[in-house]
Amino acid sequence: MDAVSRPTILAADDDAVTRRALAHAIDACGWHALLVGSGDEAFAALTDPDGPQVAVLDWMMPGMTGVEVCGRIRQVARAVQPYLIMATVRDQTSEVITALDGGADDYMIKPLDPRELQARVRVGLRIVALQQALSSRVTELQDALVQVKELRGLLPICAFCKRIRDDQNYWQTVEEYLTEHTDVAFSHGFCPSCTRVHFDFDVDVRAGNRRS
């Protein structure tokens, strides 16, 4: 995994020993660990346009708490939201609910098992990848909609030759105009009336039989 493709995982904890342990677990998977010691630093890193894709946040930190970081991050408009894992000694159900309702995606109880942490980060990376793919698809669809040309209003058409006048005051055949302004493709044939006029025989449209 080269440096460009390595995802950045944020580890925010005010304890230096815990940060080193998180960095070791993250680096062992070939990811890049970004270590910070406060909630304010975590928020600044996560709001960077090229910020981390996944974050492991301690609950109690200097500055903003982990829950406050989660809540404020969710208020930031961005196409793909980071995956936020709350890591704390708080193990009460009410506290888990508070963290998840506050914007966390996952919750882990300290002390952290490195293998479990790595597995949960992998889940987060998969979720982020899905969000990125969906965001790209939405952008493609929006671009396609912008490029679609719609026919609206009145079309100036010649009463004799049936040519249509475009916005540049240029007269085009119906086929030319529709091909340029829509996704319509034409397949030419002969209707029964024209067949009678130009070929002097009738065609039973329903049966496809020629009648002289």
N, C-alpha and C. Protein backbone atom coordinates (compact mmCIF):
# COMPACT_ATOMS: atom_id res chain seq x y z
N MET A 1 0.86 -1.19 0.00
CA MET A 1 0.00 0.00 0.00
C MET A 1 0.89 1.24 0.00
N ASP A 2 0.82 2.07 -1.06
CA ASP A 2 1.68 3.24 -1.12
C ASP A 2 1.14 4.36 -0.25
N ALA A 3 1.95 5.42 -0.10
CA ALA A 3 1.60 6.51 0.81
C ALA A 3 0.34 7.23 0.38
N VAL A 4 0.12 7.30 -0.94
CA VAL A 4 -1.04 8.02 -1.45
C VAL A 4 -2.33 7.29 -1.13
N SER A 5 -2.30 5.95 -1.23
CA SER A 5 -3.53 5.18 -1.05
C SER A 5 -3.78 4.81 0.41
N ARG A 6 -2.84 5.08 1.29
CA ARG A 6 -3.02 4.74 2.71
C ARG A 6 -4.06 5.64 3.34
N PRO A 7 -5.15 5.08 3.86
CA PRO A 7 -6.14 5.94 4.54
C PRO A 7 -5.58 6.45 5.86
N THR A 8 -5.99 7.65 6.20
CA THR A 8 -5.56 8.26 7.46
C THR A 8 -6.60 7.98 8.54
N ILE A 9 -6.13 7.46 9.66
CA ILE A 9 -7.00 7.17 10.80
C ILE A 9 -6.62 8.11 11.94
N LEU A 10 -7.58 8.90 12.40
CA LEU A 10 -7.33 9.81 13.50
C LEU A 10 -7.49 9.09 14.83
N ALA A 11 -6.52 9.27 15.71
CA ALA A 11 -6.60 8.74 17.07
C ALA A 11 -6.50 9.92 18.03
N ALA A 12 -7.59 10.23 18.72
CA ALA A 12 -7.64 11.37 19.61
C ALA A 12 -7.78 10.89 21.05
N ASP A 13 -6.76 11.14 21.87
CA ASP A 13 -6.78 10.73 23.27
C ASP A 13 -5.80 11.60 24.03
N ASP A 14 -6.17 12.02 25.23
CA ASP A 14 -5.28 12.89 26.00
C ASP A 14 -4.18 12.12 26.71
N ASP A 15 -4.22 10.78 26.67
CA ASP A 15 -3.19 9.97 27.32
C ASP A 15 -2.16 9.54 26.28
N ALA A 16 -0.89 9.88 26.52
CA ALA A 16 0.16 9.59 25.55
C ALA A 16 0.37 8.09 25.34
N VAL A 17 0.24 7.31 26.39
CA VAL A 17 0.43 5.86 26.27
C VAL A 17 -0.66 5.26 25.39
N THR A 18 -1.90 5.71 25.61
CA THR A 18 -3.00 5.22 24.79
C THR A 18 -2.81 5.62 23.33
N ARG A 19 -2.34 6.83 23.07
CA ARG A 19 -2.10 7.27 21.70
C ARG A 19 -1.06 6.38 21.01
N ARG A 20 -0.01 6.02 21.73
CA ARG A 20 1.03 5.16 21.15
C ARG A 20 0.46 3.78 20.83
N ALA A 21 -0.38 3.26 21.73
CA ALA A 21 -1.00 1.95 21.50
C ALA A 21 -1.92 2.00 20.28
N LEU A 22 -2.69 3.08 20.15
CA LEU A 22 -3.56 3.24 18.99
C LEU A 22 -2.74 3.35 17.71
N ALA A 23 -1.65 4.11 17.78
CA ALA A 23 -0.80 4.28 16.60
C ALA A 23 -0.21 2.94 16.17
N HIS A 24 0.20 2.12 17.12
CA HIS A 24 0.77 0.81 16.80
C HIS A 24 -0.26 -0.07 16.10
N ALA A 25 -1.49 -0.10 16.63
CA ALA A 25 -2.54 -0.92 16.03
C ALA A 25 -2.89 -0.43 14.63
N ILE A 26 -2.91 0.88 14.44
CA ILE A 26 -3.26 1.46 13.14
C ILE A 26 -2.15 1.22 12.12
N ASP A 27 -0.91 1.47 12.53
CA ASP A 27 0.21 1.29 11.62
C ASP A 27 0.38 -0.17 11.23
N ALA A 28 0.02 -1.09 12.11
CA ALA A 28 0.17 -2.52 11.83
C ALA A 28 -0.68 -2.96 10.63
N CYS A 29 -1.72 -2.21 10.34
CA CYS A 29 -2.59 -2.54 9.20
C CYS A 29 -2.21 -1.77 7.94
N GLY A 30 -1.13 -1.01 8.01
CA GLY A 30 -0.70 -0.26 6.83
C GLY A 30 -1.41 1.07 6.66
N TRP A 31 -2.16 1.49 7.67
CA TRP A 31 -2.82 2.78 7.61
C TRP A 31 -1.90 3.86 8.18
N HIS A 32 -2.28 5.10 7.98
CA HIS A 32 -1.52 6.22 8.53
C HIS A 32 -2.23 6.75 9.77
N ALA A 33 -1.51 6.79 10.89
CA ALA A 33 -2.10 7.26 12.15
C ALA A 33 -1.82 8.75 12.33
N LEU A 34 -2.89 9.49 12.57
CA LEU A 34 -2.78 10.92 12.91
C LEU A 34 -3.18 11.06 14.37
N LEU A 35 -2.22 11.43 15.23
CA LEU A 35 -2.44 11.45 16.67
C LEU A 35 -2.65 12.88 17.16
N VAL A 36 -3.70 13.08 17.97
CA VAL A 36 -3.96 14.37 18.60
C VAL A 36 -4.35 14.13 20.05
N GLY A 37 -4.21 15.19 20.87
CA GLY A 37 -4.45 15.01 22.30
C GLY A 37 -5.61 15.79 22.86
N SER A 38 -6.41 16.42 21.98
CA SER A 38 -7.54 17.21 22.48
C SER A 38 -8.71 17.13 21.50
N GLY A 39 -9.89 17.46 22.02
CA GLY A 39 -11.07 17.47 21.16
C GLY A 39 -11.01 18.57 20.11
N ASP A 40 -10.43 19.70 20.46
CA ASP A 40 -10.33 20.80 19.49
C ASP A 40 -9.43 20.42 18.32
N GLU A 41 -8.32 19.74 18.61
CA GLU A 41 -7.43 19.27 17.54
C GLU A 41 -8.12 18.23 16.67
N ALA A 42 -8.89 17.37 17.31
CA ALA A 42 -9.61 16.34 16.56
C ALA A 42 -10.62 16.98 15.62
N PHE A 43 -11.34 17.97 16.11
CA PHE A 43 -12.34 18.64 15.28
C PHE A 43 -11.67 19.36 14.10
N ALA A 44 -10.54 20.02 14.36
CA ALA A 44 -9.83 20.72 13.29
C ALA A 44 -9.36 19.74 12.22
N ALA A 45 -8.86 18.59 12.63
CA ALA A 45 -8.38 17.59 11.67
C ALA A 45 -9.53 17.01 10.84
N LEU A 46 -10.65 16.75 11.50
CA LEU A 46 -11.79 16.12 10.82
C LEU A 46 -12.51 17.07 9.88
N THR A 47 -12.40 18.37 10.11
CA THR A 47 -13.05 19.34 9.23
C THR A 47 -12.16 19.78 8.08
N ASP A 48 -10.93 19.31 8.07
CA ASP A 48 -10.05 19.58 6.93
C ASP A 48 -10.60 18.84 5.70
N PRO A 49 -10.63 19.48 4.52
CA PRO A 49 -11.17 18.82 3.33
C PRO A 49 -10.48 17.49 3.01
N ASP A 50 -9.20 17.38 3.37
CA ASP A 50 -8.46 16.14 3.16
C ASP A 50 -8.23 15.42 4.48
N GLY A 51 -9.14 15.61 5.40
CA GLY A 51 -8.98 15.04 6.74
C GLY A 51 -9.17 13.54 6.78
N PRO A 52 -9.03 12.96 7.97
CA PRO A 52 -9.11 11.50 8.15
C PRO A 52 -10.47 10.95 7.75
N GLN A 53 -10.46 9.71 7.29
CA GLN A 53 -11.69 9.03 6.90
C GLN A 53 -12.37 8.36 8.09
N VAL A 54 -11.55 7.95 9.04
CA VAL A 54 -12.06 7.26 10.24
C VAL A 54 -11.36 7.87 11.45
N ALA A 55 -12.09 8.00 12.55
CA ALA A 55 -11.51 8.57 13.77
C ALA A 55 -11.88 7.71 14.98
N VAL A 56 -10.90 7.56 15.86
CA VAL A 56 -11.12 6.92 17.16
C VAL A 56 -11.01 8.02 18.20
N LEU A 57 -12.10 8.30 18.90
CA LEU A 57 -12.16 9.46 19.80
C LEU A 57 -12.36 9.03 21.25
N ASP A 58 -11.54 9.59 22.11
CA ASP A 58 -11.76 9.42 23.55
C ASP A 58 -12.94 10.30 23.97
N TRP A 59 -13.63 9.92 25.02
CA TRP A 59 -14.78 10.72 25.47
C TRP A 59 -14.30 12.00 26.15
N MET A 60 -13.49 11.86 27.22
CA MET A 60 -13.04 13.01 27.97
C MET A 60 -11.67 13.45 27.48
N MET A 61 -11.62 14.66 26.93
CA MET A 61 -10.36 15.24 26.43
C MET A 61 -10.37 16.73 26.74
N PRO A 62 -9.20 17.35 26.74
CA PRO A 62 -9.16 18.81 26.85
C PRO A 62 -9.91 19.45 25.69
N GLY A 63 -10.54 20.60 25.97
CA GLY A 63 -11.33 21.22 24.92
C GLY A 63 -12.66 20.48 24.77
N MET A 64 -13.07 20.25 23.55
CA MET A 64 -14.33 19.53 23.31
C MET A 64 -14.21 18.07 23.74
N THR A 65 -15.30 17.51 24.25
CA THR A 65 -15.33 16.08 24.52
C THR A 65 -15.50 15.33 23.19
N GLY A 66 -15.31 14.03 23.26
CA GLY A 66 -15.49 13.22 22.05
C GLY A 66 -16.91 13.30 21.51
N VAL A 67 -17.89 13.33 22.42
CA VAL A 67 -19.29 13.42 22.00
C VAL A 67 -19.56 14.77 21.34
N GLU A 68 -18.96 15.83 21.90
CA GLU A 68 -19.14 17.15 21.30
C GLU A 68 -18.51 17.22 19.91
N VAL A 69 -17.37 16.58 19.75
CA VAL A 69 -16.73 16.53 18.43
C VAL A 69 -17.65 15.84 17.43
N CYS A 70 -18.22 14.71 17.84
CA CYS A 70 -19.14 13.99 16.96
C CYS A 70 -20.31 14.87 16.55
N GLY A 71 -20.92 15.52 17.52
CA GLY A 71 -22.08 16.35 17.23
C GLY A 71 -21.76 17.50 16.29
N ARG A 72 -20.63 18.15 16.48
CA ARG A 72 -20.27 19.28 15.63
C ARG A 72 -19.85 18.83 14.23
N ILE A 73 -19.21 17.67 14.15
CA ILE A 73 -18.84 17.15 12.83
C ILE A 73 -20.07 16.86 12.00
N ARG A 74 -21.11 16.34 12.62
CA ARG A 74 -22.34 16.01 11.88
C ARG A 74 -23.05 17.26 11.38
N GLN A 75 -22.70 18.41 11.91
CA GLN A 75 -23.30 19.66 11.44
C GLN A 75 -22.54 20.26 10.26
N VAL A 76 -21.38 19.69 9.95
CA VAL A 76 -20.57 20.19 8.84
C VAL A 76 -21.03 19.52 7.55
N ALA A 77 -21.43 20.34 6.59
CA ALA A 77 -21.91 19.79 5.31
C ALA A 77 -20.73 19.26 4.50
N ARG A 78 -20.76 18.00 4.17
CA ARG A 78 -19.73 17.39 3.33
C ARG A 78 -20.33 16.17 2.65
N ALA A 79 -19.83 15.86 1.47
CA ALA A 79 -20.39 14.76 0.68
C ALA A 79 -20.24 13.43 1.39
N VAL A 80 -19.09 13.23 2.03
CA VAL A 80 -18.82 11.97 2.72
C VAL A 80 -18.42 12.27 4.16
N GLN A 81 -19.21 11.77 5.09
CA GLN A 81 -18.93 11.99 6.51
C GLN A 81 -17.89 10.99 7.02
N PRO A 82 -17.00 11.40 7.93
CA PRO A 82 -16.05 10.44 8.51
C PRO A 82 -16.78 9.46 9.42
N TYR A 83 -16.17 8.31 9.59
CA TYR A 83 -16.71 7.28 10.47
C TYR A 83 -16.08 7.48 11.84
N LEU A 84 -16.91 7.69 12.86
CA LEU A 84 -16.43 8.08 14.19
C LEU A 84 -16.66 6.96 15.20
N ILE A 85 -15.57 6.53 15.82
CA ILE A 85 -15.61 5.46 16.82
C ILE A 85 -15.31 6.07 18.18
N MET A 86 -16.25 5.95 19.10
CA MET A 86 -16.03 6.45 20.47
C MET A 86 -15.33 5.36 21.28
N ALA A 87 -14.21 5.70 21.89
CA ALA A 87 -13.46 4.74 22.71
C ALA A 87 -13.34 5.31 24.12
N THR A 88 -13.92 4.63 25.11
CA THR A 88 -13.98 5.19 26.47
C THR A 88 -14.16 4.08 27.50
N VAL A 89 -13.86 4.41 28.75
CA VAL A 89 -14.09 3.47 29.85
C VAL A 89 -15.55 3.47 30.26
N ARG A 90 -16.32 4.46 29.79
CA ARG A 90 -17.75 4.53 30.15
C ARG A 90 -18.50 3.37 29.47
N ASP A 91 -19.10 2.53 30.29
CA ASP A 91 -19.74 1.33 29.74
C ASP A 91 -21.22 1.21 30.07
N GLN A 92 -21.80 2.27 30.61
CA GLN A 92 -23.23 2.23 30.92
C GLN A 92 -24.04 2.34 29.63
N THR A 93 -25.15 1.65 29.59
CA THR A 93 -26.00 1.67 28.39
C THR A 93 -26.42 3.10 28.06
N SER A 94 -26.74 3.86 29.08
CA SER A 94 -27.18 5.24 28.84
C SER A 94 -26.08 6.06 28.18
N GLU A 95 -24.81 5.78 28.54
CA GLU A 95 -23.69 6.51 27.96
C GLU A 95 -23.45 6.09 26.51
N VAL A 96 -23.62 4.79 26.25
CA VAL A 96 -23.50 4.31 24.87
C VAL A 96 -24.55 5.01 23.99
N ILE A 97 -25.77 5.08 24.52
CA ILE A 97 -26.85 5.73 23.77
C ILE A 97 -26.53 7.20 23.54
N THR A 98 -26.00 7.86 24.57
CA THR A 98 -25.65 9.28 24.44
C THR A 98 -24.63 9.49 23.32
N ALA A 99 -23.63 8.62 23.27
CA ALA A 99 -22.58 8.76 22.25
C ALA A 99 -23.13 8.50 20.86
N LEU A 100 -23.91 7.45 20.70
CA LEU A 100 -24.45 7.12 19.37
C LEU A 100 -25.46 8.17 18.91
N ASP A 101 -26.31 8.62 19.82
CA ASP A 101 -27.25 9.69 19.47
C ASP A 101 -26.52 11.00 19.20
N GLY A 102 -25.35 11.17 19.79
CA GLY A 102 -24.59 12.40 19.61
C GLY A 102 -23.82 12.45 18.31
N GLY A 103 -23.81 11.35 17.56
CA GLY A 103 -23.16 11.37 16.25
C GLY A 103 -22.10 10.32 16.04
N ALA A 104 -21.77 9.54 17.07
CA ALA A 104 -20.79 8.47 16.89
C ALA A 104 -21.40 7.33 16.06
N ASP A 105 -20.54 6.67 15.29
CA ASP A 105 -21.00 5.52 14.49
C ASP A 105 -20.78 4.21 15.22
N ASP A 106 -19.83 4.18 16.14
CA ASP A 106 -19.51 2.93 16.83
C ASP A 106 -19.02 3.29 18.23
N TYR A 107 -18.90 2.27 19.08
CA TYR A 107 -18.57 2.51 20.48
C TYR A 107 -17.72 1.35 20.97
N MET A 108 -16.58 1.66 21.59
CA MET A 108 -15.71 0.63 22.13
C MET A 108 -15.37 0.95 23.59
N ILE A 109 -15.27 -0.11 24.40
CA ILE A 109 -14.95 0.04 25.81
C ILE A 109 -13.45 -0.19 26.02
N LYS A 110 -12.80 0.73 26.72
CA LYS A 110 -11.39 0.56 27.09
C LYS A 110 -11.26 -0.44 28.24
N PRO A 111 -10.14 -1.14 28.29
CA PRO A 111 -8.99 -1.12 27.38
C PRO A 111 -9.34 -1.76 26.03
N LEU A 112 -8.79 -1.20 24.97
CA LEU A 112 -9.12 -1.64 23.62
C LEU A 112 -8.29 -2.85 23.21
N ASP A 113 -8.97 -3.81 22.61
CA ASP A 113 -8.26 -4.94 22.02
C ASP A 113 -7.80 -4.50 20.62
N PRO A 114 -6.50 -4.56 20.32
CA PRO A 114 -6.02 -4.07 19.02
C PRO A 114 -6.70 -4.74 17.83
N ARG A 115 -6.96 -6.03 17.93
CA ARG A 115 -7.59 -6.74 16.81
C ARG A 115 -9.04 -6.29 16.61
N GLU A 116 -9.75 -6.05 17.71
CA GLU A 116 -11.12 -5.56 17.60
C GLU A 116 -11.12 -4.14 17.03
N LEU A 117 -10.18 -3.32 17.49
CA LEU A 117 -10.07 -1.95 16.97
C LEU A 117 -9.83 -1.99 15.46
N GLN A 118 -8.90 -2.83 15.02
CA GLN A 118 -8.59 -2.93 13.60
C GLN A 118 -9.82 -3.39 12.80
N ALA A 119 -10.55 -4.34 13.35
CA ALA A 119 -11.75 -4.83 12.66
C ALA A 119 -12.80 -3.72 12.54
N ARG A 120 -12.98 -2.95 13.59
CA ARG A 120 -13.98 -1.87 13.56
C ARG A 120 -13.55 -0.74 12.62
N VAL A 121 -12.25 -0.48 12.57
CA VAL A 121 -11.76 0.52 11.62
C VAL A 121 -11.99 0.04 10.19
N ARG A 122 -11.77 -1.26 9.94
CA ARG A 122 -12.03 -1.80 8.60
C ARG A 122 -13.49 -1.62 8.21
N VAL A 123 -14.38 -1.83 9.18
CA VAL A 123 -15.81 -1.59 8.92
C VAL A 123 -16.02 -0.12 8.54
N GLY A 124 -15.39 0.76 9.30
CA GLY A 124 -15.53 2.19 9.00
C GLY A 124 -15.02 2.54 7.62
N LEU A 125 -13.89 1.98 7.23
CA LEU A 125 -13.35 2.25 5.90
C LEU A 125 -14.27 1.74 4.80
N ARG A 126 -14.92 0.60 5.04
CA ARG A 126 -15.87 0.08 4.05
C ARG A 126 -17.07 1.02 3.92
N ILE A 127 -17.56 1.50 5.06
CA ILE A 127 -18.70 2.43 5.04
C ILE A 127 -18.34 3.71 4.30
N VAL A 128 -17.16 4.24 4.58
CA VAL A 128 -16.71 5.46 3.90
C VAL A 128 -16.57 5.22 2.40
N ALA A 129 -16.02 4.07 2.02
CA ALA A 129 -15.87 3.75 0.60
C ALA A 129 -17.23 3.68 -0.09
N LEU A 130 -18.22 3.12 0.58
CA LEU A 130 -19.57 3.06 0.01
C LEU A 130 -20.14 4.46 -0.14
N GLN A 131 -19.93 5.31 0.87
CA GLN A 131 -20.40 6.69 0.79
C GLN A 131 -19.74 7.42 -0.37
N GLN A 132 -18.44 7.20 -0.56
CA GLN A 132 -17.71 7.86 -1.64
C GLN A 132 -18.24 7.40 -3.00
N ALA A 133 -18.49 6.09 -3.13
CA ALA A 133 -19.01 5.58 -4.40
C ALA A 133 -20.40 6.15 -4.68
N LEU A 134 -21.22 6.22 -3.64
CA LEU A 134 -22.57 6.77 -3.81
C LEU A 134 -22.49 8.25 -4.16
N SER A 135 -21.60 8.99 -3.50
CA SER A 135 -21.45 10.41 -3.78
C SER A 135 -21.00 10.63 -5.22
N SER A 136 -20.07 9.80 -5.69
CA SER A 136 -19.60 9.93 -7.07
C SER A 136 -20.72 9.66 -8.06
N ARG A 137 -21.53 8.65 -7.74
CA ARG A 137 -22.64 8.32 -8.63
C ARG A 137 -23.67 9.45 -8.68
N VAL A 138 -23.96 10.03 -7.52
CA VAL A 138 -24.90 11.16 -7.46
C VAL A 138 -24.38 12.32 -8.29
N THR A 139 -23.07 12.59 -8.17
CA THR A 139 -22.47 13.68 -8.95
C THR A 139 -22.59 13.41 -10.44
N GLU A 140 -22.35 12.17 -10.85
CA GLU A 140 -22.47 11.81 -12.26
C GLU A 140 -23.90 12.02 -12.75
N LEU A 141 -24.87 11.62 -11.94
CA LEU A 141 -26.27 11.78 -12.33
C LEU A 141 -26.65 13.25 -12.41
N GLN A 142 -26.15 14.05 -11.47
CA GLN A 142 -26.44 15.48 -11.50
C GLN A 142 -25.84 16.12 -12.74
N ASP A 143 -24.61 15.73 -13.09
CA ASP A 143 -23.98 16.26 -14.29
C ASP A 143 -24.76 15.86 -15.54
N ALA A 144 -25.26 14.61 -15.54
CA ALA A 144 -26.02 14.15 -16.69
C ALA A 144 -27.33 14.92 -16.83
N LEU A 145 -27.96 15.23 -15.70
CA LEU A 145 -29.21 15.99 -15.75
C LEU A 145 -28.99 17.40 -16.27
N VAL A 146 -27.84 17.99 -15.90
CA VAL A 146 -27.54 19.33 -16.38
C VAL A 146 -27.39 19.33 -17.90
N GLN A 147 -26.84 18.23 -18.43
CA GLN A 147 -26.57 18.15 -19.86
C GLN A 147 -27.81 17.79 -20.67
N VAL A 148 -28.83 17.27 -20.01
CA VAL A 148 -30.04 16.90 -20.74
C VAL A 148 -30.76 18.17 -21.21
N LYS A 149 -31.09 18.19 -22.46
CA LYS A 149 -31.81 19.34 -23.03
C LYS A 149 -33.27 18.96 -23.16
N GLU A 150 -34.14 19.79 -22.62
CA GLU A 150 -35.57 19.51 -22.65
C GLU A 150 -36.27 20.44 -23.63
N LEU A 151 -37.31 19.89 -24.27
CA LEU A 151 -38.14 20.69 -25.16
C LEU A 151 -39.27 21.29 -24.34
N ARG A 152 -39.35 22.61 -24.34
CA ARG A 152 -40.40 23.27 -23.57
C ARG A 152 -40.99 24.40 -24.39
N GLY A 153 -42.22 24.71 -24.12
CA GLY A 153 -42.86 25.86 -24.74
C GLY A 153 -43.25 25.60 -26.19
N LEU A 154 -43.38 26.69 -26.94
CA LEU A 154 -43.82 26.62 -28.34
C LEU A 154 -42.62 26.48 -29.26
N LEU A 155 -42.78 25.63 -30.27
CA LEU A 155 -41.75 25.46 -31.28
C LEU A 155 -42.20 26.14 -32.57
N PRO A 156 -41.43 27.09 -33.10
CA PRO A 156 -41.80 27.70 -34.38
C PRO A 156 -41.54 26.72 -35.53
N ILE A 157 -42.58 26.29 -36.20
CA ILE A 157 -42.45 25.30 -37.26
C ILE A 157 -43.10 25.83 -38.54
N CYS A 158 -42.44 25.59 -39.66
CA CYS A 158 -42.96 26.05 -40.95
C CYS A 158 -44.21 25.25 -41.33
N ALA A 159 -45.25 25.95 -41.74
CA ALA A 159 -46.50 25.28 -42.09
C ALA A 159 -46.38 24.46 -43.37
N PHE A 160 -45.39 24.76 -44.19
CA PHE A 160 -45.25 24.03 -45.46
C PHE A 160 -44.23 22.89 -45.37
N CYS A 161 -42.97 23.24 -45.07
CA CYS A 161 -41.93 22.20 -45.08
C CYS A 161 -41.74 21.52 -43.73
N LYS A 162 -42.36 22.04 -42.68
CA LYS A 162 -42.31 21.48 -41.32
C LYS A 162 -40.93 21.58 -40.68
N ARG A 163 -40.07 22.49 -41.16
CA ARG A 163 -38.80 22.72 -40.50
C ARG A 163 -39.03 23.56 -39.23
N ILE A 164 -38.13 23.39 -38.28
CA ILE A 164 -38.25 24.06 -36.99
C ILE A 164 -37.16 25.12 -36.88
N ARG A 165 -37.52 26.30 -36.39
CA ARG A 165 -36.55 27.37 -36.20
C ARG A 165 -35.96 27.28 -34.80
N ASP A 166 -34.61 27.20 -34.74
CA ASP A 166 -33.96 27.09 -33.44
C ASP A 166 -33.69 28.47 -32.85
N ASP A 167 -32.97 28.49 -31.73
CA ASP A 167 -32.72 29.75 -31.03
C ASP A 167 -31.80 30.70 -31.80
N GLN A 168 -31.04 30.16 -32.75
CA GLN A 168 -30.16 30.99 -33.57
C GLN A 168 -30.81 31.40 -34.89
N ASN A 169 -32.14 31.23 -34.94
CA ASN A 169 -32.91 31.58 -36.13
C ASN A 169 -32.52 30.75 -37.34
N TYR A 170 -32.07 29.54 -37.07
CA TYR A 170 -31.68 28.62 -38.15
C TYR A 170 -32.76 27.55 -38.28
N TRP A 171 -33.15 27.26 -39.49
CA TRP A 171 -34.23 26.31 -39.72
C TRP A 171 -33.65 24.91 -39.91
N GLN A 172 -34.19 23.97 -39.14
CA GLN A 172 -33.72 22.59 -39.19
C GLN A 172 -34.89 21.65 -39.44
N THR A 173 -34.56 20.47 -39.97
CA THR A 173 -35.59 19.45 -40.09
C THR A 173 -35.97 18.98 -38.68
N VAL A 174 -37.13 18.37 -38.59
CA VAL A 174 -37.57 17.85 -37.29
C VAL A 174 -36.55 16.86 -36.75
N GLU A 175 -36.04 16.00 -37.63
CA GLU A 175 -35.05 15.01 -37.18
C GLU A 175 -33.80 15.68 -36.62
N GLU A 176 -33.31 16.71 -37.33
CA GLU A 176 -32.12 17.40 -36.86
C GLU A 176 -32.35 18.07 -35.51
N TYR A 177 -33.50 18.71 -35.39
CA TYR A 177 -33.79 19.46 -34.16
C TYR A 177 -33.91 18.51 -32.97
N LEU A 178 -34.66 17.44 -33.14
CA LEU A 178 -34.86 16.51 -32.02
C LEU A 178 -33.59 15.76 -31.67
N THR A 179 -32.80 15.43 -32.67
CA THR A 179 -31.54 14.74 -32.40
C THR A 179 -30.60 15.63 -31.59
N GLU A 180 -30.61 16.93 -31.89
CA GLU A 180 -29.73 17.87 -31.20
C GLU A 180 -30.21 18.18 -29.79
N HIS A 181 -31.51 18.20 -29.58
CA HIS A 181 -32.05 18.66 -28.30
C HIS A 181 -32.56 17.55 -27.40
N THR A 182 -32.56 16.32 -27.86
CA THR A 182 -33.02 15.21 -27.02
C THR A 182 -32.13 14.00 -27.27
N ASP A 183 -32.45 12.91 -26.60
CA ASP A 183 -31.74 11.65 -26.81
C ASP A 183 -32.44 10.77 -27.83
N VAL A 184 -33.36 11.34 -28.60
CA VAL A 184 -34.12 10.56 -29.58
C VAL A 184 -33.23 10.16 -30.74
N ALA A 185 -33.36 8.91 -31.18
CA ALA A 185 -32.69 8.42 -32.39
C ALA A 185 -33.78 8.00 -33.38
N PHE A 186 -33.56 8.24 -34.65
CA PHE A 186 -34.58 7.99 -35.66
C PHE A 186 -34.27 6.73 -36.47
N SER A 187 -35.32 5.99 -36.76
CA SER A 187 -35.26 4.85 -37.67
C SER A 187 -36.30 5.10 -38.76
N HIS A 188 -35.88 5.25 -40.00
CA HIS A 188 -36.78 5.66 -41.07
C HIS A 188 -37.47 4.48 -41.73
N GLY A 189 -38.71 4.71 -42.12
CA GLY A 189 -39.51 3.73 -42.84
C GLY A 189 -40.56 4.46 -43.66
N PHE A 190 -41.61 3.74 -44.07
CA PHE A 190 -42.68 4.34 -44.87
C PHE A 190 -44.02 4.06 -44.21
N CYS A 191 -44.80 5.13 -44.02
CA CYS A 191 -46.14 4.94 -43.48
C CYS A 191 -47.07 4.50 -44.62
N PRO A 192 -48.23 3.93 -44.32
CA PRO A 192 -49.15 3.46 -45.37
C PRO A 192 -49.55 4.55 -46.36
N SER A 193 -49.78 5.78 -45.89
CA SER A 193 -50.20 6.86 -46.79
C SER A 193 -49.12 7.17 -47.81
N CYS A 194 -47.88 7.29 -47.34
CA CYS A 194 -46.78 7.59 -48.25
C CYS A 194 -46.50 6.42 -49.19
N THR A 195 -46.72 5.22 -48.71
CA THR A 195 -46.53 4.06 -49.57
C THR A 195 -47.51 4.11 -50.74
N ARG A 196 -48.77 4.48 -50.45
CA ARG A 196 -49.76 4.58 -51.52
C ARG A 196 -49.39 5.67 -52.52
N VAL A 197 -48.92 6.81 -52.00
CA VAL A 197 -48.61 7.94 -52.88
C VAL A 197 -47.37 7.68 -53.73
N HIS A 198 -46.32 7.13 -53.11
CA HIS A 198 -45.04 7.04 -53.79
C HIS A 198 -44.78 5.69 -54.45
N PHE A 199 -45.46 4.65 -54.00
CA PHE A 199 -45.19 3.32 -54.56
C PHE A 199 -46.43 2.68 -55.19
N ASP A 200 -47.57 3.36 -55.07
CA ASP A 200 -48.80 2.92 -55.73
C ASP A 200 -49.27 1.54 -55.28
N PHE A 201 -49.10 1.23 -54.00
CA PHE A 201 -49.74 0.03 -53.45
C PHE A 201 -49.98 0.26 -51.97
N ASP A 202 -50.92 -0.54 -51.41
CA ASP A 202 -51.29 -0.41 -50.00
C ASP A 202 -50.54 -1.42 -49.16
N VAL A 203 -50.33 -1.06 -47.90
CA VAL A 203 -49.74 -1.97 -46.94
C VAL A 203 -50.67 -2.11 -45.76
N ASP A 204 -51.02 -3.35 -45.44
CA ASP A 204 -51.83 -3.64 -44.24
C ASP A 204 -50.88 -3.53 -43.03
N VAL A 205 -51.00 -2.44 -42.31
CA VAL A 205 -50.06 -2.19 -41.22
C VAL A 205 -50.12 -3.27 -40.16
N ARG A 206 -51.32 -3.78 -39.89
CA ARG A 206 -51.46 -4.79 -38.83
C ARG A 206 -50.85 -6.10 -39.25
N ALA A 207 -51.03 -6.50 -40.52
CA ALA A 207 -50.54 -7.80 -40.98
C ALA A 207 -49.21 -7.70 -41.69
N GLY A 208 -48.85 -6.49 -42.12
CA GLY A 208 -47.60 -6.33 -42.85
C GLY A 208 -47.66 -6.87 -44.26
N ASN A 209 -48.88 -6.98 -44.83
CA ASN A 209 -49.06 -7.54 -46.16
C ASN A 209 -49.23 -6.45 -47.19
N ARG A 210 -48.67 -6.67 -48.37
CA ARG A 210 -48.85 -5.74 -49.49
C ARG A 210 -50.14 -6.08 -50.23
N ARG A 211 -50.90 -4.95 -50.55
CA ARG A 211 -52.14 -5.17 -51.33
C ARG A 211 -52.04 -4.26 -52.57
N SER A 212 -52.00 -4.85 -53.77
CA SER A 212 -51.89 -4.10 -55.02
C SER A 212 -53.24 -3.47 -55.38
